[in-house]
Amino acid sequence: SSGYLRAKQYMEEENYDKIISESTKEIEAKGKYMAEALLLRATFYLLIGNANAAKPDLDQVISMEDANVKLRANALIKRGSMYMQQQQPVLSTQDFNMAADIDPQNADVYHHRGQLKILLDQIEEAVEDFDECIRLRPDSALAQAQKCFALYRQAYTGNNPLPVQVAMKGFEDVIKKFPKCAEGYALYAQALTDQQQFGKADEMYDKCIDLEPDNATTYVHKGLLQLQWKQDLDKGLELISKAIEIDNKCDFAYETMGTIEVQRGNLDKAIEMFNKAINLAKSEMEMAHLYSLCDAAYAQTEVAKKYGLKPPTL
């Protein structure tokens, strides 16, 4: 019997431990579902944070010209997203463009490419991609929320109050239309924070937490908001500690906590947090950024020891 079909069965049973080994059996046997098995194995490697193992599997699916177009497009989206995390936008763009060429009716392609364009500050192109995604999949709450965020960013950086108001109204429409989409509230909260509407931003994060109580990142954002809004370090740290309790692999939480501990003068604790974030970093650039934060904290402790100084506290 087929390793891939067994892996699929395990997936339906939520028995995730055996999926990689069963997919491997299908791949080694060069079975009928080899492309599917490669894609499934790559997906699980990515989920456990092993991009190095996922990449050759994705490469192989992408190069299988006789494989189902949907599988190849999916592999391109996954590899493009991986490059995006590794901060390699040129390679990421190439993969998303190729996916759009071979599977032009695939809404996911435009959604991912739109997200990349936001990161690259190519806002007009991002909006075009989100529009195409929404045309192909009108019920895509995520694409509508991210389109709003793109329009907001464009208006905010252009320093133009009228388009900012239009974009904020757009967020209200999205959360009314898709009240179960946590990302809609989260993106609206970020825009509200920019606008110094801290109380309303806090309410939006609470809605996110109600919808997705296991999303660690929301607690970090809510924690950061407490600092900006009320300069409440204790409440901020409590929320960020909660994020780590929910997901002990949340590098964003460790980095944020390290930054707060530097401000409080707890430099040893800050260094410990930065080191945890470094171990979880997904790209060389992210790692370099964290190393520089860690080095700065370390340099401060050395100076303090040498001169018997107490580090500054807020």
Protein backbone atom coordinates (compact mmCIF):
# COMPACT_ATOMS: atom_id res chain seq x y z
CA SER A 1 0.00 0.00 0.00
CA SER A 2 1.05 3.58 -0.62
CA GLY A 3 3.12 5.46 1.96
CA TYR A 4 1.51 8.71 0.82
CA LEU A 5 -2.03 7.40 1.32
CA ARG A 6 -1.05 6.18 4.80
CA ALA A 7 0.49 9.59 5.53
CA LYS A 8 -2.76 11.23 4.42
CA GLN A 9 -4.72 8.90 6.69
CA TYR A 10 -2.45 9.83 9.64
CA MET A 11 -3.04 13.48 8.84
CA GLU A 12 -6.82 13.03 9.02
CA GLU A 13 -6.32 11.27 12.38
CA GLU A 14 -4.04 14.15 13.51
CA ASN A 15 -1.28 11.60 14.11
CA TYR A 16 1.47 13.92 12.87
CA ASP A 17 4.54 12.01 14.07
CA LYS A 18 4.38 9.40 11.30
CA ILE A 19 3.70 11.68 8.33
CA ILE A 20 7.33 12.38 7.41
CA SER A 21 8.37 8.70 7.65
CA GLU A 22 5.39 7.47 5.57
CA SER A 23 5.98 10.18 2.94
CA THR A 24 9.65 9.12 2.82
CA LYS A 25 8.60 5.51 2.06
CA GLU A 26 6.54 6.72 -0.92
CA ILE A 27 9.46 8.88 -2.15
CA GLU A 28 12.04 6.09 -1.79
CA ALA A 29 9.76 3.65 -3.61
CA LYS A 30 9.28 6.29 -6.38
CA GLY A 31 5.58 5.53 -6.00
CA LYS A 32 2.59 6.84 -7.91
CA TYR A 33 2.15 9.73 -5.45
CA MET A 34 5.78 10.77 -5.31
CA ALA A 35 5.14 14.48 -6.05
CA GLU A 36 2.36 14.63 -3.44
CA ALA A 37 4.60 12.89 -0.89
CA LEU A 38 7.49 15.31 -1.53
CA LEU A 39 5.17 18.28 -1.08
CA LEU A 40 3.65 16.84 2.10
CA ARG A 41 7.06 16.04 3.58
CA ALA A 42 8.32 19.55 2.71
CA THR A 43 5.23 21.09 4.33
CA PHE A 44 5.88 19.23 7.57
CA TYR A 45 9.58 20.10 7.51
CA LEU A 46 8.55 23.78 7.19
CA LEU A 47 6.06 23.42 10.05
CA ILE A 48 8.80 22.14 12.37
CA GLY A 49 11.10 24.96 11.25
CA ASN A 50 13.48 22.85 9.16
CA ALA A 51 13.66 24.90 5.94
CA ASN A 52 16.97 23.27 4.92
CA ALA A 53 15.30 19.86 4.72
CA ALA A 54 12.18 21.23 3.00
CA LYS A 55 13.99 23.03 0.18
CA PRO A 56 15.30 19.99 -1.82
CA ASP A 57 11.80 18.42 -1.69
CA LEU A 58 10.21 21.63 -2.98
CA ASP A 59 12.94 22.00 -5.65
CA GLN A 60 12.18 18.49 -6.86
CA VAL A 61 8.41 19.04 -7.12
CA ILE A 62 8.94 22.35 -8.95
CA SER A 63 11.22 20.66 -11.49
CA MET A 64 8.72 17.82 -12.19
CA GLU A 65 7.23 19.20 -15.40
CA ASP A 66 4.71 16.37 -15.73
CA ALA A 67 3.38 16.80 -12.18
CA ASN A 68 -0.02 18.34 -11.52
CA VAL A 69 0.15 22.14 -11.97
CA LYS A 70 -1.61 22.71 -8.62
CA LEU A 71 1.13 20.76 -6.81
CA ARG A 72 3.92 22.67 -8.56
CA ALA A 73 2.24 26.02 -7.87
CA ASN A 74 1.79 25.05 -4.21
CA ALA A 75 5.49 24.11 -4.00
CA LEU A 76 6.44 27.46 -5.59
CA ILE A 77 4.27 29.35 -3.09
CA LYS A 78 5.87 27.46 -0.20
CA ARG A 79 9.40 28.01 -1.50
CA GLY A 80 8.62 31.67 -2.24
CA SER A 81 7.30 32.11 1.32
CA MET A 82 10.42 30.41 2.68
CA TYR A 83 12.62 32.84 0.71
CA MET A 84 10.46 35.69 2.04
CA GLN A 85 11.15 34.58 5.63
CA GLN A 86 14.85 34.34 4.80
CA GLN A 87 14.68 37.91 3.45
CA GLN A 88 15.54 36.96 -0.13
CA PRO A 89 12.91 39.04 -1.96
CA VAL A 90 14.33 38.54 -5.48
CA LEU A 91 14.09 34.73 -5.26
CA SER A 92 10.72 35.01 -3.55
CA THR A 93 9.35 37.25 -6.32
CA GLN A 94 10.62 34.83 -9.01
CA ASP A 95 8.80 31.90 -7.38
CA PHE A 96 5.51 33.78 -6.96
CA ASN A 97 5.70 35.06 -10.57
CA MET A 98 6.33 31.54 -11.88
CA ALA A 99 3.40 30.21 -9.82
CA ALA A 100 1.14 32.92 -11.31
CA ASP A 101 2.34 31.96 -14.82
CA ILE A 102 1.63 28.25 -14.47
CA ASP A 103 -1.57 28.53 -12.38
CA PRO A 104 -3.11 31.96 -13.06
CA GLN A 105 -6.44 31.11 -11.38
CA ASN A 106 -4.78 30.31 -8.03
CA ALA A 107 -5.90 32.92 -5.48
CA ASP A 108 -3.17 31.93 -2.99
CA VAL A 109 -0.43 33.05 -5.39
CA TYR A 110 -1.74 36.63 -5.50
CA HIS A 111 -2.31 36.69 -1.76
CA HIS A 112 1.29 35.69 -0.98
CA ARG A 113 2.75 37.95 -3.64
CA GLY A 114 0.67 40.83 -2.27
CA GLN A 115 2.12 40.25 1.21
CA LEU A 116 5.64 40.31 -0.24
CA LYS A 117 4.89 43.57 -2.09
CA ILE A 118 3.77 45.20 1.19
CA LEU A 119 7.09 44.21 2.76
CA LEU A 120 8.91 45.70 -0.23
CA ASP A 121 6.82 48.90 0.04
CA GLN A 122 5.40 48.31 -3.45
CA ILE A 123 1.95 49.23 -2.23
CA GLU A 124 0.15 49.77 -5.55
CA GLU A 125 1.29 46.36 -6.83
CA ALA A 126 0.27 44.80 -3.50
CA VAL A 127 -3.24 46.22 -3.84
CA GLU A 128 -3.50 44.86 -7.43
CA ASP A 129 -2.53 41.39 -6.20
CA PHE A 130 -5.02 41.50 -3.31
CA ASP A 131 -7.73 42.65 -5.77
CA GLU A 132 -6.96 39.67 -8.02
CA CYS A 133 -7.06 37.33 -5.01
CA ILE A 134 -10.45 38.79 -3.96
CA ARG A 135 -11.78 38.49 -7.55
CA LEU A 136 -10.88 34.79 -7.57
CA ARG A 137 -12.00 34.20 -3.98
CA PRO A 138 -14.53 36.85 -2.88
CA ASP A 139 -14.84 35.38 0.63
CA SER A 140 -11.12 35.79 1.38
CA ALA A 141 -11.30 37.82 4.60
CA LEU A 142 -7.52 37.82 4.95
CA ALA A 143 -6.89 39.37 1.52
CA GLN A 144 -9.52 42.06 2.17
CA ALA A 145 -7.96 42.91 5.56
CA GLN A 146 -4.46 43.04 4.08
CA LYS A 147 -5.63 45.17 1.16
CA CYS A 148 -7.02 47.64 3.74
CA PHE A 149 -3.70 47.63 5.54
CA ALA A 150 -1.82 48.26 2.27
CA LEU A 151 -4.10 51.23 1.45
CA TYR A 152 -3.69 52.51 5.00
CA ARG A 153 0.11 52.29 4.81
CA GLN A 154 0.08 54.15 1.51
CA ALA A 155 -2.13 56.93 2.96
CA TYR A 156 -0.19 57.12 6.23
CA THR A 157 3.24 57.44 4.59
CA GLY A 158 1.79 59.96 2.12
CA ASN A 159 0.71 62.02 5.15
CA ASN A 160 -2.71 62.54 3.64
CA PRO A 161 -5.59 62.66 6.18
CA LEU A 162 -8.47 61.93 3.80
CA PRO A 163 -7.18 58.58 2.41
CA VAL A 164 -6.23 57.63 6.00
CA GLN A 165 -9.88 58.11 7.05
CA VAL A 166 -11.06 56.12 4.01
CA ALA A 167 -8.67 53.27 4.91
CA MET A 168 -9.80 53.29 8.57
CA LYS A 169 -13.42 53.09 7.38
CA GLY A 170 -12.31 50.15 5.19
CA PHE A 171 -11.14 48.29 8.30
CA GLU A 172 -14.52 48.88 9.97
CA ASP A 173 -16.21 47.38 6.89
CA VAL A 174 -13.90 44.34 6.91
CA ILE A 175 -14.49 43.51 10.59
CA LYS A 176 -18.26 43.93 10.09
CA LYS A 177 -18.24 41.71 7.02
CA PHE A 178 -15.84 39.11 8.49
CA PRO A 179 -16.29 39.24 12.29
CA LYS A 180 -14.47 35.90 12.69
CA CYS A 181 -11.23 36.99 10.94
CA ALA A 182 -8.70 37.66 13.71
CA GLU A 183 -6.18 39.17 11.29
CA GLY A 184 -8.68 41.91 10.40
CA TYR A 185 -8.79 43.06 14.03
CA ALA A 186 -4.99 42.73 14.40
CA LEU A 187 -4.21 44.87 11.34
CA TYR A 188 -6.85 47.42 12.37
CA ALA A 189 -5.24 47.54 15.84
CA GLN A 190 -1.84 48.31 14.27
CA ALA A 191 -3.38 51.18 12.27
CA LEU A 192 -5.22 52.47 15.38
CA THR A 193 -1.95 52.41 17.34
CA ASP A 194 -0.31 54.56 14.64
CA GLN A 195 -3.23 56.97 15.00
CA GLN A 196 -2.71 57.04 18.80
CA GLN A 197 -6.19 55.52 19.31
CA PHE A 198 -4.79 53.22 21.97
CA GLY A 199 -8.01 52.30 23.80
CA LYS A 200 -9.71 51.13 20.61
CA ALA A 201 -6.54 49.29 19.50
CA ASP A 202 -6.55 47.43 22.83
CA GLU A 203 -10.17 46.37 22.26
CA MET A 204 -9.23 45.05 18.81
CA TYR A 205 -6.41 42.93 20.27
CA ASP A 206 -8.89 41.55 22.83
CA LYS A 207 -11.19 40.52 19.97
CA CYS A 208 -8.22 38.76 18.31
CA ILE A 209 -7.43 36.92 21.54
CA ASP A 210 -11.09 35.82 21.88
CA LEU A 211 -10.97 34.40 18.34
CA GLU A 212 -7.44 32.94 18.52
CA PRO A 213 -6.45 32.45 22.18
CA ASP A 214 -3.39 30.41 21.12
CA ASN A 215 -1.84 33.07 18.86
CA ALA A 216 1.23 34.20 20.82
CA THR A 217 2.04 37.15 18.53
CA THR A 218 -1.19 38.98 19.51
CA TYR A 219 -0.16 38.97 23.18
CA VAL A 220 3.21 40.51 22.22
CA HIS A 221 1.47 43.28 20.23
CA LYS A 222 -0.95 43.91 23.10
CA GLY A 223 2.03 43.99 25.50
CA LEU A 224 3.85 46.54 23.33
CA LEU A 225 0.68 48.62 23.23
CA GLN A 226 0.64 48.83 27.07
CA LEU A 227 4.16 50.31 26.95
CA GLN A 228 3.31 52.86 24.29
CA TRP A 229 -0.07 53.77 25.78
CA LYS A 230 0.47 53.70 29.54
CA GLN A 231 4.25 53.15 29.88
CA ASP A 232 3.14 50.11 31.92
CA LEU A 233 6.22 47.84 31.84
CA ASP A 234 4.79 45.28 34.27
CA LYS A 235 1.58 44.75 32.30
CA GLY A 236 3.60 44.65 29.06
CA LEU A 237 5.96 41.99 30.42
CA GLU A 238 3.07 39.97 31.84
CA LEU A 239 1.44 39.80 28.38
CA ILE A 240 4.72 38.92 26.66
CA SER A 241 5.40 36.20 29.27
CA LYS A 242 1.94 34.85 28.44
CA ALA A 243 2.97 34.74 24.75
CA ILE A 244 6.03 32.63 25.65
CA GLU A 245 3.87 30.36 27.82
CA ILE A 246 1.58 29.75 24.81
CA ASP A 247 4.44 29.31 22.30
CA ASN A 248 7.97 28.86 23.60
CA LYS A 249 9.29 29.18 20.03
CA CYS A 250 7.97 32.73 19.51
CA ASP A 251 11.19 34.62 18.69
CA PHE A 252 9.28 37.93 18.48
CA ALA A 253 8.32 37.53 22.17
CA TYR A 254 11.91 36.88 23.31
CA GLU A 255 13.27 39.80 21.27
CA THR A 256 10.62 42.16 22.66
CA MET A 257 11.19 40.97 26.21
CA GLY A 258 14.95 41.44 25.78
CA THR A 259 14.41 45.02 24.58
CA ILE A 260 12.18 45.79 27.60
CA GLU A 261 14.70 44.26 30.02
CA VAL A 262 17.43 46.52 28.55
CA GLN A 263 15.18 49.50 29.30
CA ARG A 264 14.64 48.25 32.85
CA GLY A 265 18.39 47.81 33.33
CA ASN A 266 18.16 43.99 33.69
CA LEU A 267 20.96 43.40 31.20
CA ASP A 268 21.74 39.77 32.09
CA LYS A 269 18.09 38.85 31.64
CA ALA A 270 18.05 40.82 28.35
CA ILE A 271 21.06 38.88 27.03
CA GLU A 272 19.39 35.58 27.96
CA MET A 273 16.25 36.63 26.03
CA PHE A 274 18.20 37.78 22.95
CA ASN A 275 20.09 34.47 22.91
CA LYS A 276 16.79 32.56 22.95
CA ALA A 277 15.57 34.68 20.03
CA ILE A 278 18.86 34.09 18.15
CA ASN A 279 18.36 30.31 18.45
CA LEU A 280 14.93 30.68 16.83
CA ALA A 281 15.85 33.25 14.14
CA LYS A 282 14.62 32.36 10.65
CA SER A 283 17.10 34.34 8.57
CA GLU A 284 20.68 35.58 8.57
CA MET A 285 19.50 39.21 8.67
CA GLU A 286 17.23 38.59 11.65
CA MET A 287 20.12 36.84 13.39
CA ALA A 288 22.51 39.73 12.68
CA HIS A 289 19.96 42.21 14.07
CA LEU A 290 19.57 40.12 17.26
CA TYR A 291 23.33 39.69 17.67
CA SER A 292 23.78 43.47 17.54
CA LEU A 293 21.10 43.93 20.25
CA CYS A 294 22.76 41.25 22.35
CA ASP A 295 26.24 42.73 21.87
CA ALA A 296 25.01 46.18 22.88
CA ALA A 297 23.48 44.78 26.08
CA TYR A 298 26.66 42.80 26.79
CA ALA A 299 28.84 45.90 26.25
CA GLN A 300 26.67 47.81 28.74
CA THR A 301 27.11 45.10 31.40
CA GLU A 302 30.89 45.09 30.88
CA VAL A 303 31.13 48.88 31.29
CA ALA A 304 28.87 48.73 34.36
CA LYS A 305 31.06 46.01 35.95
CA LYS A 306 34.29 47.82 35.16
CA TYR A 307 33.20 51.11 36.70
CA GLY A 308 30.85 49.72 39.34
CA LEU A 309 27.91 51.52 37.73
CA LYS A 310 24.27 50.59 38.05
CA PRO A 311 22.60 50.40 34.63
CA PRO A 312 19.90 53.02 34.05
CA THR A 313 16.32 52.02 34.78
CA LEU A 314 13.16 53.70 33.56
